[in-house]
Amino acid sequence: MYHRISIAIFFLLFITSCNNHPDKNVKSNAIHEIEKAEHDFAKLANDSGIHVAFTNFADENAVIKAKEDSLIKGVIGISNYYNNAKLKQVKLTWKPDFVDASNSGELGYTY
């Protein structure tokens, strides 16, 4: 009897863990957060310049590919790169063409 109950509980847990219908709100919320971040970045870049926008939005592990295939690493490197007299006059207009996220909401991207 104990063996049958254990098997029944195992299968019940197994079947409920195989949920192939994730909550659609999770993906939708993730897409909304990504769109908001892109909008906030574009607004800050327009209002305060690209140096401020990139410095505020870059993760400490961020990497940007610059000219001549060089890489700019980290917030300090990104700040130093964009804190350039030539770049201070640059205006950035930004809006992603496409935004998507995984069903779990854990990964998203724009282009």
PDB file of N, CA and C in Angstrom:
ATOM      1  N   MET A   1       0.830  -1.192   0.000  1.00  0.00           N
ATOM      2  CA  MET A   1       0.000   0.000   0.000  1.00  0.00           C
ATOM      3  C   MET A   1       0.875   1.257   0.000  1.00  0.00           C
ATOM      4  N   TYR A   2       1.884   1.294   0.860  1.00  0.00           N
ATOM      5  CA  TYR A   2       2.780   2.453   0.943  1.00  0.00           C
ATOM      6  C   TYR A   2       3.498   2.675  -0.386  1.00  0.00           C
ATOM      7  N   HIS A   3       3.878   1.588  -1.017  1.00  0.00           N
ATOM      8  CA  HIS A   3       4.583   1.655  -2.304  1.00  0.00           C
ATOM      9  C   HIS A   3       3.683   2.283  -3.375  1.00  0.00           C
ATOM     10  N   ARG A   4       2.419   1.940  -3.417  1.00  0.00           N
ATOM     11  CA  ARG A   4       1.474   2.492  -4.396  1.00  0.00           C
ATOM     12  C   ARG A   4       1.249   3.985  -4.161  1.00  0.00           C
ATOM     13  N   ILE A   5       1.146   4.381  -2.925  1.00  0.00           N
ATOM     14  CA  ILE A   5       0.948   5.800  -2.602  1.00  0.00           C
ATOM     15  C   ILE A   5       2.172   6.604  -3.025  1.00  0.00           C
ATOM     16  N   SER A   6       3.352   6.065  -2.768  1.00  0.00           N
ATOM     17  CA  SER A   6       4.590   6.751  -3.167  1.00  0.00           C
ATOM     18  C   SER A   6       4.660   6.917  -4.679  1.00  0.00           C
ATOM     19  N   ILE A   7       4.308   5.876  -5.398  1.00  0.00           N
ATOM     20  CA  ILE A   7       4.321   5.956  -6.868  1.00  0.00           C
ATOM     21  C   ILE A   7       3.286   6.963  -7.349  1.00  0.00           C
ATOM     22  N   ALA A   8       2.111   6.948  -6.763  1.00  0.00           N
ATOM     23  CA  ALA A   8       1.058   7.888  -7.161  1.00  0.00           C
ATOM     24  C   ALA A   8       1.501   9.327  -6.902  1.00  0.00           C
ATOM     25  N   ILE A   9       2.120   9.600  -5.777  1.00  0.00           N
ATOM     26  CA  ILE A   9       2.604  10.949  -5.463  1.00  0.00           C
ATOM     27  C   ILE A   9       3.700  11.351  -6.439  1.00  0.00           C
ATOM     28  N   PHE A  10       4.608  10.410  -6.741  1.00  0.00           N
ATOM     29  CA  PHE A  10       5.678  10.706  -7.701  1.00  0.00           C
ATOM     30  C   PHE A  10       5.096  11.106  -9.056  1.00  0.00           C
ATOM     31  N   PHE A  11       4.158  10.327  -9.566  1.00  0.00           N
ATOM     32  CA  PHE A  11       3.584  10.633 -10.873  1.00  0.00           C
ATOM     33  C   PHE A  11       2.780  11.927 -10.848  1.00  0.00           C
ATOM     34  N   LEU A  12       2.108  12.186  -9.768  1.00  0.00           N
ATOM     35  CA  LEU A  12       1.366  13.441  -9.647  1.00  0.00           C
ATOM     36  C   LEU A  12       2.314  14.635  -9.696  1.00  0.00           C
ATOM     37  N   LEU A  13       3.411  14.555  -8.959  1.00  0.00           N
ATOM     38  CA  LEU A  13       4.405  15.631  -8.983  1.00  0.00           C
ATOM     39  C   LEU A  13       5.061  15.745 -10.355  1.00  0.00           C
ATOM     40  N   PHE A  14       5.344  14.610 -10.977  1.00  0.00           N
ATOM     41  CA  PHE A  14       5.970  14.611 -12.296  1.00  0.00           C
ATOM     42  C   PHE A  14       5.050  15.261 -13.329  1.00  0.00           C
ATOM     43  N   ILE A  15       3.804  14.882 -13.323  1.00  0.00           N
ATOM     44  CA  ILE A  15       2.860  15.423 -14.310  1.00  0.00           C
ATOM     45  C   ILE A  15       2.645  16.916 -14.100  1.00  0.00           C
ATOM     46  N   THR A  16       2.515  17.367 -12.881  1.00  0.00           N
ATOM     47  CA  THR A  16       2.294  18.796 -12.635  1.00  0.00           C
ATOM     48  C   THR A  16       3.535  19.624 -12.920  1.00  0.00           C
ATOM     49  N   SER A  17       4.718  19.011 -12.849  1.00  0.00           N
ATOM     50  CA  SER A  17       5.939  19.762 -13.143  1.00  0.00           C
ATOM     51  C   SER A  17       6.163  19.910 -14.646  1.00  0.00           C
ATOM     52  N   CYS A  18       5.466  19.160 -15.441  1.00  0.00           N
ATOM     53  CA  CYS A  18       5.597  19.220 -16.902  1.00  0.00           C
ATOM     54  C   CYS A  18       4.578  20.185 -17.491  1.00  0.00           C
ATOM     55  N   ASN A  19       4.480  21.332 -16.925  1.00  0.00           N
ATOM     56  CA  ASN A  19       3.527  22.331 -17.396  1.00  0.00           C
ATOM     57  C   ASN A  19       4.031  22.939 -18.702  1.00  0.00           C
ATOM     58  N   ASN A  20       3.375  22.619 -19.792  1.00  0.00           N
ATOM     59  CA  ASN A  20       3.757  23.152 -21.097  1.00  0.00           C
ATOM     60  C   ASN A  20       3.008  24.432 -21.443  1.00  0.00           C
ATOM     61  N   HIS A  21       2.205  24.900 -20.535  1.00  0.00           N
ATOM     62  CA  HIS A  21       1.426  26.112 -20.778  1.00  0.00           C
ATOM     63  C   HIS A  21       1.813  27.171 -19.753  1.00  0.00           C
ATOM     64  N   PRO A  22       2.952  27.835 -19.979  1.00  0.00           N
ATOM     65  CA  PRO A  22       3.391  28.839 -19.005  1.00  0.00           C
ATOM     66  C   PRO A  22       2.432  30.021 -18.963  1.00  0.00           C
ATOM     67  N   ASP A  23       2.485  30.727 -17.879  1.00  0.00           N
ATOM     68  CA  ASP A  23       1.654  31.914 -17.702  1.00  0.00           C
ATOM     69  C   ASP A  23       2.039  32.945 -18.753  1.00  0.00           C
ATOM     70  N   LYS A  24       1.101  33.294 -19.617  1.00  0.00           N
ATOM     71  CA  LYS A  24       1.377  34.249 -20.697  1.00  0.00           C
ATOM     72  C   LYS A  24       1.709  35.632 -20.147  1.00  0.00           C
ATOM     73  N   ASN A  25       1.254  35.924 -18.933  1.00  0.00           N
ATOM     74  CA  ASN A  25       1.561  37.219 -18.332  1.00  0.00           C
ATOM     75  C   ASN A  25       3.044  37.369 -18.026  1.00  0.00           C
ATOM     76  N   VAL A  26       3.728  36.270 -17.744  1.00  0.00           N
ATOM     77  CA  VAL A  26       5.157  36.328 -17.437  1.00  0.00           C
ATOM     78  C   VAL A  26       5.912  36.868 -18.647  1.00  0.00           C
ATOM     79  N   LYS A  27       5.670  36.287 -19.816  1.00  0.00           N
ATOM     80  CA  LYS A  27       6.331  36.747 -21.036  1.00  0.00           C
ATOM     81  C   LYS A  27       5.924  38.170 -21.366  1.00  0.00           C
ATOM     82  N   SER A  28       4.654  38.459 -21.281  1.00  0.00           N
ATOM     83  CA  SER A  28       4.151  39.802 -21.579  1.00  0.00           C
ATOM     84  C   SER A  28       4.763  40.848 -20.646  1.00  0.00           C
ATOM     85  N   ASN A  29       4.852  40.518 -19.362  1.00  0.00           N
ATOM     86  CA  ASN A  29       5.457  41.442 -18.397  1.00  0.00           C
ATOM     87  C   ASN A  29       6.933  41.661 -18.687  1.00  0.00           C
ATOM     88  N   ALA A  30       7.634  40.595 -19.068  1.00  0.00           N
ATOM     89  CA  ALA A  30       9.053  40.720 -19.401  1.00  0.00           C
ATOM     90  C   ALA A  30       9.239  41.624 -20.612  1.00  0.00           C
ATOM     91  N   ILE A  31       8.422  41.435 -21.632  1.00  0.00           N
ATOM     92  CA  ILE A  31       8.503  42.283 -22.824  1.00  0.00           C
ATOM     93  C   ILE A  31       8.230  43.733 -22.462  1.00  0.00           C
ATOM     94  N   HIS A  32       7.248  43.956 -21.622  1.00  0.00           N
ATOM     95  CA  HIS A  32       6.933  45.324 -21.185  1.00  0.00           C
ATOM     96  C   HIS A  32       8.113  45.950 -20.438  1.00  0.00           C
ATOM     97  N   GLU A  33       8.759  45.189 -19.559  1.00  0.00           N
ATOM     98  CA  GLU A  33       9.928  45.699 -18.824  1.00  0.00           C
ATOM     99  C   GLU A  33      11.069  46.046 -19.774  1.00  0.00           C
ATOM    100  N   ILE A  34      11.288  45.198 -20.766  1.00  0.00           N
ATOM    101  CA  ILE A  34      12.352  45.460 -21.743  1.00  0.00           C
ATOM    102  C   ILE A  34      12.040  46.714 -22.541  1.00  0.00           C
ATOM    103  N   GLU A  35      10.796  46.847 -23.000  1.00  0.00           N
ATOM    104  CA  GLU A  35      10.392  48.043 -23.751  1.00  0.00           C
ATOM    105  C   GLU A  35      10.571  49.299 -22.908  1.00  0.00           C
ATOM    106  N   LYS A  36      10.208  49.217 -21.628  1.00  0.00           N
ATOM    107  CA  LYS A  36      10.360  50.370 -20.736  1.00  0.00           C
ATOM    108  C   LYS A  36      11.833  50.731 -20.562  1.00  0.00           C
ATOM    109  N   ALA A  37      12.686  49.720 -20.386  1.00  0.00           N
ATOM    110  CA  ALA A  37      14.123  49.983 -20.233  1.00  0.00           C
ATOM    111  C   ALA A  37      14.679  50.647 -21.490  1.00  0.00           C
ATOM    112  N   GLU A  38      14.271  50.176 -22.654  1.00  0.00           N
ATOM    113  CA  GLU A  38      14.729  50.778 -23.912  1.00  0.00           C
ATOM    114  C   GLU A  38      14.249  52.225 -24.024  1.00  0.00           C
ATOM    115  N   HIS A  39      12.997  52.460 -23.663  1.00  0.00           N
ATOM    116  CA  HIS A  39      12.439  53.817 -23.702  1.00  0.00           C
ATOM    117  C   HIS A  39      13.170  54.731 -22.726  1.00  0.00           C
ATOM    118  N   ASP A  40      13.401  54.241 -21.511  1.00  0.00           N
ATOM    119  CA  ASP A  40      14.087  55.046 -20.496  1.00  0.00           C
ATOM    120  C   ASP A  40      15.526  55.365 -20.920  1.00  0.00           C
ATOM    121  N   PHE A  41      16.197  54.377 -21.539  1.00  0.00           N
ATOM    122  CA  PHE A  41      17.548  54.608 -22.042  1.00  0.00           C
ATOM    123  C   PHE A  41      17.533  55.698 -23.118  1.00  0.00           C
ATOM    124  N   ALA A  42      16.615  55.577 -24.069  1.00  0.00           N
ATOM    125  CA  ALA A  42      16.533  56.551 -25.169  1.00  0.00           C
ATOM    126  C   ALA A  42      16.230  57.953 -24.638  1.00  0.00           C
ATOM    127  N   LYS A  43      15.350  58.043 -23.673  1.00  0.00           N
ATOM    128  CA  LYS A  43      15.002  59.352 -23.095  1.00  0.00           C
ATOM    129  C   LYS A  43      16.203  59.963 -22.387  1.00  0.00           C
ATOM    130  N   LEU A  44      16.898  59.162 -21.593  1.00  0.00           N
ATOM    131  CA  LEU A  44      18.072  59.665 -20.880  1.00  0.00           C
ATOM    132  C   LEU A  44      19.168  60.076 -21.861  1.00  0.00           C
ATOM    133  N   ALA A  45      19.369  59.288 -22.910  1.00  0.00           N
ATOM    134  CA  ALA A  45      20.377  59.636 -23.923  1.00  0.00           C
ATOM    135  C   ALA A  45      20.017  60.947 -24.601  1.00  0.00           C
ATOM    136  N   ASN A  46      18.744  61.145 -24.885  1.00  0.00           N
ATOM    137  CA  ASN A  46      18.298  62.378 -25.532  1.00  0.00           C
ATOM    138  C   ASN A  46      18.393  63.576 -24.588  1.00  0.00           C
ATOM    139  N   ASP A  47      17.992  63.383 -23.339  1.00  0.00           N
ATOM    140  CA  ASP A  47      17.953  64.491 -22.370  1.00  0.00           C
ATOM    141  C   ASP A  47      19.324  64.849 -21.801  1.00  0.00           C
ATOM    142  N   SER A  48      20.149  63.812 -21.537  1.00  0.00           N
ATOM    143  CA  SER A  48      21.395  64.048 -20.811  1.00  0.00           C
ATOM    144  C   SER A  48      22.656  63.634 -21.561  1.00  0.00           C
ATOM    145  N   GLY A  49      22.500  63.028 -22.721  1.00  0.00           N
ATOM    146  CA  GLY A  49      23.661  62.615 -23.512  1.00  0.00           C
ATOM    147  C   GLY A  49      23.948  61.136 -23.393  1.00  0.00           C
ATOM    148  N   ILE A  50      24.710  60.650 -24.377  1.00  0.00           N
ATOM    149  CA  ILE A  50      24.969  59.211 -24.412  1.00  0.00           C
ATOM    150  C   ILE A  50      25.893  58.753 -23.289  1.00  0.00           C
ATOM    151  N   HIS A  51      26.797  59.628 -22.831  1.00  0.00           N
ATOM    152  CA  HIS A  51      27.681  59.260 -21.719  1.00  0.00           C
ATOM    153  C   HIS A  51      26.857  58.904 -20.487  1.00  0.00           C
ATOM    154  N   VAL A  52      25.919  59.756 -20.141  1.00  0.00           N
ATOM    155  CA  VAL A  52      25.077  59.523 -18.960  1.00  0.00           C
ATOM    156  C   VAL A  52      24.217  58.277 -19.159  1.00  0.00           C
ATOM    157  N   ALA A  53      23.628  58.127 -20.345  1.00  0.00           N
ATOM    158  CA  ALA A  53      22.742  56.991 -20.599  1.00  0.00           C
ATOM    159  C   ALA A  53      23.498  55.665 -20.511  1.00  0.00           C
ATOM    160  N   PHE A  54      24.619  55.559 -21.212  1.00  0.00           N
ATOM    161  CA  PHE A  54      25.362  54.306 -21.190  1.00  0.00           C
ATOM    162  C   PHE A  54      25.921  54.019 -19.809  1.00  0.00           C
ATOM    163  N   THR A  55      26.392  55.022 -19.108  1.00  0.00           N
ATOM    164  CA  THR A  55      26.947  54.825 -17.770  1.00  0.00           C
ATOM    165  C   THR A  55      25.857  54.351 -16.801  1.00  0.00           C
ATOM    166  N   ASN A  56      24.666  54.911 -16.920  1.00  0.00           N
ATOM    167  CA  ASN A  56      23.584  54.538 -16.011  1.00  0.00           C
ATOM    168  C   ASN A  56      22.965  53.182 -16.318  1.00  0.00           C
ATOM    169  N   PHE A  57      22.956  52.795 -17.560  1.00  0.00           N
ATOM    170  CA  PHE A  57      22.281  51.551 -17.925  1.00  0.00           C
ATOM    171  C   PHE A  57      23.214  50.350 -18.061  1.00  0.00           C
ATOM    172  N   ALA A  58      24.498  50.563 -18.186  1.00  0.00           N
ATOM    173  CA  ALA A  58      25.426  49.447 -18.377  1.00  0.00           C
ATOM    174  C   ALA A  58      25.613  48.658 -17.092  1.00  0.00           C
ATOM    175  N   ASP A  59      25.622  47.363 -17.225  1.00  0.00           N
ATOM    176  CA  ASP A  59      25.940  46.472 -16.125  1.00  0.00           C
ATOM    177  C   ASP A  59      27.445  46.527 -15.878  1.00  0.00           C
ATOM    178  N   GLU A  60      27.882  46.216 -14.680  1.00  0.00           N
ATOM    179  CA  GLU A  60      29.315  46.278 -14.393  1.00  0.00           C
ATOM    180  C   GLU A  60      30.115  45.292 -15.240  1.00  0.00           C
ATOM    181  N   ASN A  61      29.462  44.290 -15.808  1.00  0.00           N
ATOM    182  CA  ASN A  61      30.128  43.324 -16.679  1.00  0.00           C
ATOM    183  C   ASN A  61      29.841  43.570 -18.165  1.00  0.00           C
ATOM    184  N   ALA A  62      29.271  44.709 -18.493  1.00  0.00           N
ATOM    185  CA  ALA A  62      28.919  45.011 -19.878  1.00  0.00           C
ATOM    186  C   ALA A  62      30.158  45.101 -20.754  1.00  0.00           C
ATOM    187  N   VAL A  63      29.970  44.771 -22.020  1.00  0.00           N
ATOM    188  CA  VAL A  63      31.039  44.877 -23.008  1.00  0.00           C
ATOM    189  C   VAL A  63      30.442  45.521 -24.254  1.00  0.00           C
ATOM    190  N   ILE A  64      31.121  46.536 -24.772  1.00  0.00           N
ATOM    191  CA  ILE A  64      30.694  47.218 -25.998  1.00  0.00           C
ATOM    192  C   ILE A  64      31.803  47.075 -27.025  1.00  0.00           C
ATOM    193  N   LYS A  65      31.414  46.722 -28.237  1.00  0.00           N
ATOM    194  CA  LYS A  65      32.389  46.644 -29.326  1.00  0.00           C
ATOM    195  C   LYS A  65      32.517  48.038 -29.927  1.00  0.00           C
ATOM    196  N   ALA A  66      33.744  48.533 -29.943  1.00  0.00           N
ATOM    197  CA  ALA A  66      34.011  49.863 -30.484  1.00  0.00           C
ATOM    198  C   ALA A  66      34.655  49.729 -31.866  1.00  0.00           C
ATOM    199  N   LYS A  67      35.130  50.838 -32.361  1.00  0.00           N
ATOM    200  CA  LYS A  67      35.818  50.831 -33.653  1.00  0.00           C
ATOM    201  C   LYS A  67      37.039  49.925 -33.609  1.00  0.00           C
ATOM    202  N   GLU A  68      37.490  49.554 -34.763  1.00  0.00           N
ATOM    203  CA  GLU A  68      38.690  48.727 -34.918  1.00  0.00           C
ATOM    204  C   GLU A  68      38.661  47.455 -34.086  1.00  0.00           C
ATOM    205  N   ASP A  69      37.491  46.908 -33.911  1.00  0.00           N
ATOM    206  CA  ASP A  69      37.321  45.634 -33.208  1.00  0.00           C
ATOM    207  C   ASP A  69      37.837  45.634 -31.774  1.00  0.00           C
ATOM    208  N   SER A  70      37.943  46.785 -31.151  1.00  0.00           N
ATOM    209  CA  SER A  70      38.340  46.814 -29.743  1.00  0.00           C
ATOM    210  C   SER A  70      37.097  46.662 -28.871  1.00  0.00           C
ATOM    211  N   LEU A  71      37.307  46.145 -27.680  1.00  0.00           N
ATOM    212  CA  LEU A  71      36.217  45.948 -26.740  1.00  0.00           C
ATOM    213  C   LEU A  71      36.373  46.899 -25.566  1.00  0.00           C
ATOM    214  N   ILE A  72      35.270  47.480 -25.157  1.00  0.00           N
ATOM    215  CA  ILE A  72      35.248  48.346 -23.983  1.00  0.00           C
ATOM    216  C   ILE A  72      34.532  47.548 -22.908  1.00  0.00           C
ATOM    217  N   LYS A  73      35.195  47.358 -21.783  1.00  0.00           N
ATOM    218  CA  LYS A  73      34.668  46.472 -20.755  1.00  0.00           C
ATOM    219  C   LYS A  73      34.338  47.214 -19.475  1.00  0.00           C
ATOM    220  N   GLY A  74      33.190  46.873 -18.899  1.00  0.00           N
ATOM    221  CA  GLY A  74      32.782  47.393 -17.604  1.00  0.00           C
ATOM    222  C   GLY A  74      32.278  48.817 -17.625  1.00  0.00           C
ATOM    223  N   VAL A  75      31.602  49.191 -16.567  1.00  0.00           N
ATOM    224  CA  VAL A  75      31.021  50.531 -16.469  1.00  0.00           C
ATOM    225  C   VAL A  75      32.097  51.611 -16.515  1.00  0.00           C
ATOM    226  N   ILE A  76      33.213  51.386 -15.853  1.00  0.00           N
ATOM    227  CA  ILE A  76      34.277  52.400 -15.841  1.00  0.00           C
ATOM    228  C   ILE A  76      34.844  52.588 -17.248  1.00  0.00           C
ATOM    229  N   GLY A  77      35.100  51.486 -17.939  1.00  0.00           N
ATOM    230  CA  GLY A  77      35.591  51.586 -19.314  1.00  0.00           C
ATOM    231  C   GLY A  77      34.595  52.260 -20.229  1.00  0.00           C
ATOM    232  N   ILE A  78      33.313  51.919 -20.085  1.00  0.00           N
ATOM    233  CA  ILE A  78      32.259  52.533 -20.900  1.00  0.00           C
ATOM    234  C   ILE A  78      32.145  54.014 -20.582  1.00  0.00           C
ATOM    235  N   SER A  79      32.200  54.359 -19.307  1.00  0.00           N
ATOM    236  CA  SER A  79      32.141  55.771 -18.909  1.00  0.00           C
ATOM    237  C   SER A  79      33.314  56.546 -19.496  1.00  0.00           C
ATOM    238  N   ASN A  80      34.505  55.987 -19.396  1.00  0.00           N
ATOM    239  CA  ASN A  80      35.689  56.657 -19.943  1.00  0.00           C
ATOM    240  C   ASN A  80      35.569  56.837 -21.461  1.00  0.00           C
ATOM    241  N   TYR A  81      35.074  55.809 -22.139  1.00  0.00           N
ATOM    242  CA  TYR A  81      34.943  55.874 -23.599  1.00  0.00           C
ATOM    243  C   TYR A  81      33.961  56.966 -24.024  1.00  0.00           C
ATOM    244  N   TYR A  82      32.795  57.009 -23.378  1.00  0.00           N
ATOM    245  CA  TYR A  82      31.773  57.983 -23.776  1.00  0.00           C
ATOM    246  C   TYR A  82      31.987  59.362 -23.173  1.00  0.00           C
ATOM    247  N   ASN A  83      32.912  59.502 -22.234  1.00  0.00           N
ATOM    248  CA  ASN A  83      33.235  60.809 -21.673  1.00  0.00           C
ATOM    249  C   ASN A  83      34.333  61.455 -22.527  1.00  0.00           C
ATOM    250  N   ASN A  84      34.077  61.527 -23.786  1.00  0.00           N
ATOM    251  CA  ASN A  84      35.007  62.024 -24.785  1.00  0.00           C
ATOM    252  C   ASN A  84      34.401  63.297 -25.382  1.00  0.00           C
ATOM    253  N   ALA A  85      35.186  64.321 -25.542  1.00  0.00           N
ATOM    254  CA  ALA A  85      34.683  65.599 -26.059  1.00  0.00           C
ATOM    255  C   ALA A  85      33.983  65.421 -27.406  1.00  0.00           C
ATOM    256  N   LYS A  86      34.507  64.558 -28.255  1.00  0.00           N
ATOM    257  CA  LYS A  86      33.887  64.323 -29.569  1.00  0.00           C
ATOM    258  C   LYS A  86      32.506  63.676 -29.435  1.00  0.00           C
ATOM    259  N   LEU A  87      32.348  62.819 -28.450  1.00  0.00           N
ATOM    260  CA  LEU A  87      31.090  62.092 -28.289  1.00  0.00           C
ATOM    261  C   LEU A  87      30.049  62.869 -27.488  1.00  0.00           C
ATOM    262  N   LYS A  88      30.463  63.912 -26.790  1.00  0.00           N
ATOM    263  CA  LYS A  88      29.509  64.674 -25.975  1.00  0.00           C
ATOM    264  C   LYS A  88      28.470  65.391 -26.827  1.00  0.00           C
ATOM    265  N   GLN A  89      28.795  65.668 -28.063  1.00  0.00           N
ATOM    266  CA  GLN A  89      27.863  66.366 -28.951  1.00  0.00           C
ATOM    267  C   GLN A  89      26.981  65.403 -29.753  1.00  0.00           C
ATOM    268  N   VAL A  90      27.250  64.110 -29.638  1.00  0.00           N
ATOM    269  CA  VAL A  90      26.490  63.120 -30.390  1.00  0.00           C
ATOM    270  C   VAL A  90      25.091  62.991 -29.800  1.00  0.00           C
ATOM    271  N   LYS A  91      24.091  62.995 -30.666  1.00  0.00           N
ATOM    272  CA  LYS A  91      22.701  62.770 -30.243  1.00  0.00           C
ATOM    273  C   LYS A  91      22.303  61.372 -30.688  1.00  0.00           C
ATOM    274  N   LEU A  92      21.665  60.664 -29.818  1.00  0.00           N
ATOM    275  CA  LEU A  92      21.242  59.306 -30.102  1.00  0.00           C
ATOM    276  C   LEU A  92      19.724  59.252 -30.095  1.00  0.00           C
ATOM    277  N   THR A  93      19.163  58.792 -31.181  1.00  0.00           N
ATOM    278  CA  THR A  93      17.737  58.517 -31.249  1.00  0.00           C
ATOM    279  C   THR A  93      17.599  57.011 -31.325  1.00  0.00           C
ATOM    280  N   TRP A  94      16.897  56.444 -30.373  1.00  0.00           N
ATOM    281  CA  TRP A  94      16.868  54.994 -30.268  1.00  0.00           C
ATOM    282  C   TRP A  94      15.462  54.486 -30.053  1.00  0.00           C
ATOM    283  N   LYS A  95      15.111  53.469 -30.812  1.00  0.00           N
ATOM    284  CA  LYS A  95      13.862  52.743 -30.610  1.00  0.00           C
ATOM    285  C   LYS A  95      14.067  51.364 -31.204  1.00  0.00           C
ATOM    286  N   PRO A  96      13.851  50.315 -30.421  1.00  0.00           N
ATOM    287  CA  PRO A  96      14.054  48.972 -30.970  1.00  0.00           C
ATOM    288  C   PRO A  96      12.986  48.643 -32.016  1.00  0.00           C
ATOM    289  N   ASP A  97      13.385  47.889 -33.026  1.00  0.00           N
ATOM    290  CA  ASP A  97      12.442  47.445 -34.043  1.00  0.00           C
ATOM    291  C   ASP A  97      11.626  46.250 -33.567  1.00  0.00           C
ATOM    292  N   PHE A  98      12.202  45.475 -32.648  1.00  0.00           N
ATOM    293  CA  PHE A  98      11.548  44.252 -32.209  1.00  0.00           C
ATOM    294  C   PHE A  98      11.975  43.940 -30.778  1.00  0.00           C
ATOM    295  N   VAL A  99      11.027  43.478 -29.981  1.00  0.00           N
ATOM    296  CA  VAL A  99      11.293  43.078 -28.589  1.00  0.00           C
ATOM    297  C   VAL A  99      10.666  41.706 -28.376  1.00  0.00           C
ATOM    298  N   ASP A 100      11.407  40.813 -27.730  1.00  0.00           N
ATOM    299  CA  ASP A 100      10.839  39.499 -27.422  1.00  0.00           C
ATOM    300  C   ASP A 100      11.468  38.982 -26.137  1.00  0.00           C
ATOM    301  N   ALA A 101      10.829  37.972 -25.568  1.00  0.00           N
ATOM    302  CA  ALA A 101      11.317  37.351 -24.340  1.00  0.00           C
ATOM    303  C   ALA A 101      10.940  35.881 -24.356  1.00  0.00           C
ATOM    304  N   SER A 102      11.667  35.107 -23.579  1.00  0.00           N
ATOM    305  CA  SER A 102      11.337  33.686 -23.441  1.00  0.00           C
ATOM    306  C   SER A 102      10.024  33.546 -22.688  1.00  0.00           C
ATOM    307  N   ASN A 103       9.398  32.396 -22.807  1.00  0.00           N
ATOM    308  CA  ASN A 103       8.139  32.153 -22.100  1.00  0.00           C
ATOM    309  C   ASN A 103       8.302  32.276 -20.590  1.00  0.00           C
ATOM    310  N   SER A 104       9.499  31.961 -20.087  1.00  0.00           N
ATOM    311  CA  SER A 104       9.742  32.037 -18.645  1.00  0.00           C
ATOM    312  C   SER A 104      10.003  33.475 -18.187  1.00  0.00           C
ATOM    313  N   GLY A 105      10.290  34.371 -19.150  1.00  0.00           N
ATOM    314  CA  GLY A 105      10.593  35.754 -18.803  1.00  0.00           C
ATOM    315  C   GLY A 105      12.013  35.957 -18.324  1.00  0.00           C
ATOM    316  N   GLU A 106      12.840  34.921 -18.373  1.00  0.00           N
ATOM    317  CA  GLU A 106      14.200  35.007 -17.867  1.00  0.00           C
ATOM    318  C   GLU A 106      15.198  35.545 -18.872  1.00  0.00           C
ATOM    319  N   LEU A 107      14.834  35.558 -20.156  1.00  0.00           N
ATOM    320  CA  LEU A 107      15.739  36.017 -21.199  1.00  0.00           C
ATOM    321  C   LEU A 107      14.939  36.856 -22.185  1.00  0.00           C
ATOM    322  N   GLY A 108      15.496  38.002 -22.529  1.00  0.00           N
ATOM    323  CA  GLY A 108      14.818  38.852 -23.497  1.00  0.00           C
ATOM    324  C   GLY A 108      15.833  39.551 -24.369  1.00  0.00           C
ATOM    325  N   TYR A 109      15.363  40.084 -25.484  1.00  0.00           N
ATOM    326  CA  TYR A 109      16.269  40.768 -26.393  1.00  0.00           C
ATOM    327  C   TYR A 109      15.505  41.780 -27.248  1.00  0.00           C
ATOM    328  N   THR A 110      16.258  42.680 -27.812  1.00  0.00           N
ATOM    329  CA  THR A 110      15.717  43.659 -28.758  1.00  0.00           C
ATOM    330  C   THR A 110      16.649  43.747 -29.947  1.00  0.00           C
ATOM    331  N   TYR A 111      16.129  44.266 -31.034  1.00  0.00           N
ATOM    332  CA  TYR A 111      16.976  44.665 -32.150  1.00  0.00           C
ATOM    333  C   TYR A 111      16.286  45.765 -32.896  1.00  0.00           C
TER     334      TYR A 111
END
